[in-house]
Amino acid sequence: MTTAHAEPNYIGVFWWLLALTIIEIAVIYMPMAKVIIVILLVGLALSKAALVALYFMHLRFERFTLGLIALTPLILCVFLILMLSPDIHP
């Protein structure tokens, strides 16, 4: 038996995604070090990906284990990037 959940506020999520996109564009033109810009852009992209996964893929309403299964590729990707970065920048 499954329990019904309330329909997500898709328009609200859209406005949040739009706001984060505008912030990303603004960050590109800020006079800061490139490393800080990259960190900000990655953080904003991860927050946008989380919003999409939670609401449009309905992970917010699933069991915790399914969320862990969806999070595993991100963890592996970060691990691989950190492990391979010494080879990229000798």
N, C-alpha and C. Protein backbone atom coordinates (compact mmCIF):
# COMPACT_ATOMS: atom_id res chain seq x y z
N MET A 1 0.83 -1.17 0.00
CA MET A 1 0.00 0.00 0.00
C MET A 1 0.89 1.25 0.00
N THR A 2 0.60 2.16 -0.85
CA THR A 2 1.37 3.39 -0.92
C THR A 2 0.55 4.53 -0.34
N THR A 3 1.24 5.48 0.21
CA THR A 3 0.55 6.64 0.75
C THR A 3 0.70 7.79 -0.24
N ALA A 4 -0.35 8.53 -0.39
CA ALA A 4 -0.33 9.67 -1.31
C ALA A 4 0.38 10.84 -0.64
N HIS A 5 1.02 11.63 -1.43
CA HIS A 5 1.68 12.82 -0.92
C HIS A 5 1.14 14.04 -1.66
N ALA A 6 1.32 15.18 -1.05
CA ALA A 6 0.86 16.41 -1.68
C ALA A 6 1.69 16.70 -2.92
N GLU A 7 1.06 17.26 -3.92
CA GLU A 7 1.77 17.60 -5.15
C GLU A 7 2.77 18.73 -4.86
N PRO A 8 4.01 18.58 -5.33
CA PRO A 8 5.01 19.64 -5.09
C PRO A 8 4.62 20.94 -5.79
N ASN A 9 5.13 22.01 -5.27
CA ASN A 9 4.90 23.32 -5.86
C ASN A 9 5.93 23.52 -6.99
N TYR A 10 5.57 23.04 -8.18
CA TYR A 10 6.50 23.09 -9.31
C TYR A 10 6.83 24.53 -9.72
N ILE A 11 5.87 25.40 -9.63
CA ILE A 11 6.13 26.81 -9.99
C ILE A 11 7.12 27.43 -9.00
N GLY A 12 6.98 27.10 -7.73
CA GLY A 12 7.93 27.60 -6.73
C GLY A 12 9.34 27.09 -6.99
N VAL A 13 9.44 25.80 -7.35
CA VAL A 13 10.75 25.23 -7.67
C VAL A 13 11.31 25.91 -8.92
N PHE A 14 10.46 26.19 -9.90
CA PHE A 14 10.91 26.89 -11.10
C PHE A 14 11.50 28.25 -10.74
N TRP A 15 10.83 28.99 -9.88
CA TRP A 15 11.32 30.32 -9.51
C TRP A 15 12.66 30.22 -8.76
N TRP A 16 12.82 29.20 -7.91
CA TRP A 16 14.10 29.00 -7.24
C TRP A 16 15.20 28.67 -8.24
N LEU A 17 14.89 27.82 -9.21
CA LEU A 17 15.89 27.48 -10.23
C LEU A 17 16.26 28.70 -11.06
N LEU A 18 15.27 29.53 -11.38
CA LEU A 18 15.54 30.75 -12.14
C LEU A 18 16.43 31.70 -11.33
N ALA A 19 16.11 31.86 -10.05
CA ALA A 19 16.92 32.74 -9.20
C ALA A 19 18.35 32.23 -9.09
N LEU A 20 18.53 30.92 -8.92
CA LEU A 20 19.89 30.37 -8.85
C LEU A 20 20.64 30.54 -10.16
N THR A 21 19.94 30.45 -11.28
CA THR A 21 20.58 30.66 -12.58
C THR A 21 21.02 32.11 -12.74
N ILE A 22 20.19 33.04 -12.32
CA ILE A 22 20.56 34.46 -12.38
C ILE A 22 21.76 34.73 -11.48
N ILE A 23 21.79 34.10 -10.30
CA ILE A 23 22.94 34.26 -9.41
C ILE A 23 24.20 33.70 -10.05
N GLU A 24 24.07 32.56 -10.74
CA GLU A 24 25.23 31.98 -11.44
C GLU A 24 25.78 32.93 -12.49
N ILE A 25 24.91 33.55 -13.25
CA ILE A 25 25.36 34.49 -14.28
C ILE A 25 26.03 35.69 -13.63
N ALA A 26 25.48 36.16 -12.50
CA ALA A 26 26.09 37.30 -11.80
C ALA A 26 27.46 36.93 -11.24
N VAL A 27 27.62 35.70 -10.75
CA VAL A 27 28.90 35.26 -10.18
C VAL A 27 29.99 35.27 -11.24
N ILE A 28 29.65 34.93 -12.46
CA ILE A 28 30.65 34.89 -13.53
C ILE A 28 31.32 36.25 -13.72
N TYR A 29 30.55 37.31 -13.58
CA TYR A 29 31.07 38.66 -13.83
C TYR A 29 31.62 39.35 -12.59
N MET A 30 31.64 38.68 -11.45
CA MET A 30 32.17 39.29 -10.23
C MET A 30 33.70 39.34 -10.29
N PRO A 31 34.28 40.43 -9.80
CA PRO A 31 35.75 40.54 -9.80
C PRO A 31 36.36 39.77 -8.62
N MET A 32 36.45 38.46 -8.77
CA MET A 32 37.02 37.62 -7.72
C MET A 32 38.03 36.67 -8.36
N ALA A 33 38.74 35.97 -7.49
CA ALA A 33 39.68 34.95 -7.98
C ALA A 33 38.89 33.84 -8.67
N LYS A 34 39.47 33.26 -9.70
CA LYS A 34 38.78 32.22 -10.47
C LYS A 34 38.44 31.00 -9.62
N VAL A 35 39.28 30.70 -8.64
CA VAL A 35 39.02 29.55 -7.78
C VAL A 35 37.73 29.77 -6.99
N ILE A 36 37.53 30.96 -6.48
CA ILE A 36 36.32 31.27 -5.72
C ILE A 36 35.10 31.22 -6.63
N ILE A 37 35.23 31.73 -7.84
CA ILE A 37 34.12 31.69 -8.80
C ILE A 37 33.74 30.25 -9.11
N VAL A 38 34.75 29.40 -9.32
CA VAL A 38 34.48 27.99 -9.62
C VAL A 38 33.78 27.31 -8.45
N ILE A 39 34.25 27.58 -7.24
CA ILE A 39 33.63 26.97 -6.05
C ILE A 39 32.18 27.43 -5.91
N LEU A 40 31.92 28.71 -6.13
CA LEU A 40 30.55 29.22 -6.06
C LEU A 40 29.67 28.59 -7.14
N LEU A 41 30.20 28.48 -8.36
CA LEU A 41 29.41 27.90 -9.44
C LEU A 41 29.11 26.42 -9.20
N VAL A 42 30.07 25.69 -8.67
CA VAL A 42 29.84 24.27 -8.37
C VAL A 42 28.79 24.14 -7.26
N GLY A 43 28.88 24.98 -6.25
CA GLY A 43 27.89 24.95 -5.17
C GLY A 43 26.49 25.27 -5.67
N LEU A 44 26.38 26.28 -6.52
CA LEU A 44 25.08 26.63 -7.09
C LEU A 44 24.55 25.52 -7.99
N ALA A 45 25.43 24.90 -8.77
CA ALA A 45 25.00 23.80 -9.64
C ALA A 45 24.53 22.60 -8.82
N LEU A 46 25.21 22.31 -7.72
CA LEU A 46 24.79 21.21 -6.86
C LEU A 46 23.44 21.49 -6.21
N SER A 47 23.22 22.74 -5.82
CA SER A 47 21.92 23.07 -5.22
C SER A 47 20.80 22.98 -6.26
N LYS A 48 21.08 23.39 -7.50
CA LYS A 48 20.07 23.25 -8.56
C LYS A 48 19.81 21.77 -8.86
N ALA A 49 20.86 20.96 -8.90
CA ALA A 49 20.68 19.53 -9.15
C ALA A 49 19.89 18.88 -8.03
N ALA A 50 20.12 19.31 -6.80
CA ALA A 50 19.37 18.77 -5.67
C ALA A 50 17.89 19.13 -5.78
N LEU A 51 17.59 20.36 -6.15
CA LEU A 51 16.19 20.76 -6.33
C LEU A 51 15.50 19.92 -7.40
N VAL A 52 16.17 19.73 -8.52
CA VAL A 52 15.59 18.94 -9.60
C VAL A 52 15.39 17.49 -9.15
N ALA A 53 16.38 16.92 -8.49
CA ALA A 53 16.27 15.53 -8.05
C ALA A 53 15.17 15.38 -6.99
N LEU A 54 15.10 16.31 -6.07
CA LEU A 54 14.12 16.18 -5.00
C LEU A 54 12.69 16.33 -5.48
N TYR A 55 12.46 17.30 -6.36
CA TYR A 55 11.07 17.61 -6.71
C TYR A 55 10.63 17.03 -8.05
N PHE A 56 11.46 17.12 -9.09
CA PHE A 56 11.05 16.62 -10.39
C PHE A 56 11.25 15.11 -10.51
N MET A 57 12.23 14.56 -9.79
CA MET A 57 12.41 13.12 -9.77
C MET A 57 11.70 12.49 -8.57
N HIS A 58 11.05 13.31 -7.76
CA HIS A 58 10.24 12.89 -6.62
C HIS A 58 11.02 12.14 -5.55
N LEU A 59 12.32 12.40 -5.43
CA LEU A 59 13.11 11.73 -4.40
C LEU A 59 12.76 12.22 -3.00
N ARG A 60 12.18 13.40 -2.91
CA ARG A 60 11.80 13.94 -1.61
C ARG A 60 10.73 13.07 -0.95
N PHE A 61 9.95 12.38 -1.76
CA PHE A 61 8.83 11.59 -1.25
C PHE A 61 9.12 10.10 -1.22
N GLU A 62 10.36 9.72 -1.51
CA GLU A 62 10.74 8.31 -1.52
C GLU A 62 11.42 7.95 -0.20
N ARG A 63 11.72 6.68 -0.08
CA ARG A 63 12.42 6.21 1.10
C ARG A 63 13.85 6.73 1.10
N PHE A 64 14.44 6.74 2.29
CA PHE A 64 15.80 7.24 2.46
C PHE A 64 16.80 6.43 1.65
N THR A 65 16.60 5.12 1.55
CA THR A 65 17.56 4.27 0.83
C THR A 65 17.60 4.60 -0.66
N LEU A 66 16.46 4.98 -1.24
CA LEU A 66 16.46 5.36 -2.64
C LEU A 66 17.23 6.66 -2.84
N GLY A 67 17.15 7.57 -1.89
CA GLY A 67 17.95 8.80 -1.94
C GLY A 67 19.44 8.50 -1.88
N LEU A 68 19.81 7.54 -1.05
CA LEU A 68 21.23 7.14 -0.99
C LEU A 68 21.70 6.54 -2.29
N ILE A 69 20.83 5.76 -2.93
CA ILE A 69 21.19 5.18 -4.22
C ILE A 69 21.39 6.28 -5.26
N ALA A 70 20.57 7.31 -5.22
CA ALA A 70 20.71 8.42 -6.16
C ALA A 70 21.93 9.28 -5.84
N LEU A 71 22.34 9.32 -4.58
CA LEU A 71 23.49 10.14 -4.16
C LEU A 71 24.83 9.46 -4.43
N THR A 72 24.83 8.16 -4.58
CA THR A 72 26.07 7.40 -4.77
C THR A 72 26.89 7.86 -5.97
N PRO A 73 26.30 8.11 -7.16
CA PRO A 73 27.14 8.59 -8.28
C PRO A 73 27.83 9.92 -8.00
N LEU A 74 27.17 10.81 -7.26
CA LEU A 74 27.81 12.08 -6.92
C LEU A 74 29.02 11.85 -6.02
N ILE A 75 28.88 10.98 -5.05
CA ILE A 75 29.99 10.67 -4.16
C ILE A 75 31.15 10.05 -4.94
N LEU A 76 30.84 9.13 -5.83
CA LEU A 76 31.89 8.51 -6.65
C LEU A 76 32.57 9.53 -7.56
N CYS A 77 31.80 10.44 -8.12
CA CYS A 77 32.36 11.47 -9.00
C CYS A 77 33.32 12.38 -8.24
N VAL A 78 32.92 12.82 -7.07
CA VAL A 78 33.80 13.68 -6.25
C VAL A 78 35.06 12.91 -5.87
N PHE A 79 34.91 11.65 -5.48
CA PHE A 79 36.06 10.82 -5.13
C PHE A 79 37.03 10.70 -6.30
N LEU A 80 36.51 10.42 -7.49
CA LEU A 80 37.38 10.28 -8.67
C LEU A 80 38.08 11.58 -9.03
N ILE A 81 37.36 12.69 -8.94
CA ILE A 81 37.98 13.98 -9.24
C ILE A 81 39.12 14.26 -8.26
N LEU A 82 38.88 14.01 -6.98
CA LEU A 82 39.93 14.27 -5.98
C LEU A 82 41.12 13.33 -6.15
N MET A 83 40.86 12.09 -6.52
CA MET A 83 41.95 11.14 -6.70
C MET A 83 42.74 11.38 -7.98
N LEU A 84 42.09 11.89 -9.03
CA LEU A 84 42.78 12.11 -10.29
C LEU A 84 43.36 13.51 -10.45
N SER A 85 43.02 14.41 -9.56
CA SER A 85 43.52 15.78 -9.70
C SER A 85 45.05 15.88 -9.63
N PRO A 86 45.78 15.04 -8.87
CA PRO A 86 47.24 15.13 -8.94
C PRO A 86 47.79 14.80 -10.34
N ASP A 87 47.09 13.95 -11.09
CA ASP A 87 47.55 13.62 -12.44
C ASP A 87 47.22 14.73 -13.43
N ILE A 88 46.18 15.49 -13.16
CA ILE A 88 45.79 16.57 -14.06
C ILE A 88 46.73 17.77 -13.90
N HIS A 89 47.07 18.08 -12.65
CA HIS A 89 47.93 19.24 -12.36
C HIS A 89 49.22 18.75 -11.71
N PRO A 90 50.20 18.37 -12.52
CA PRO A 90 51.45 17.84 -11.95
C PRO A 90 52.29 18.91 -11.28
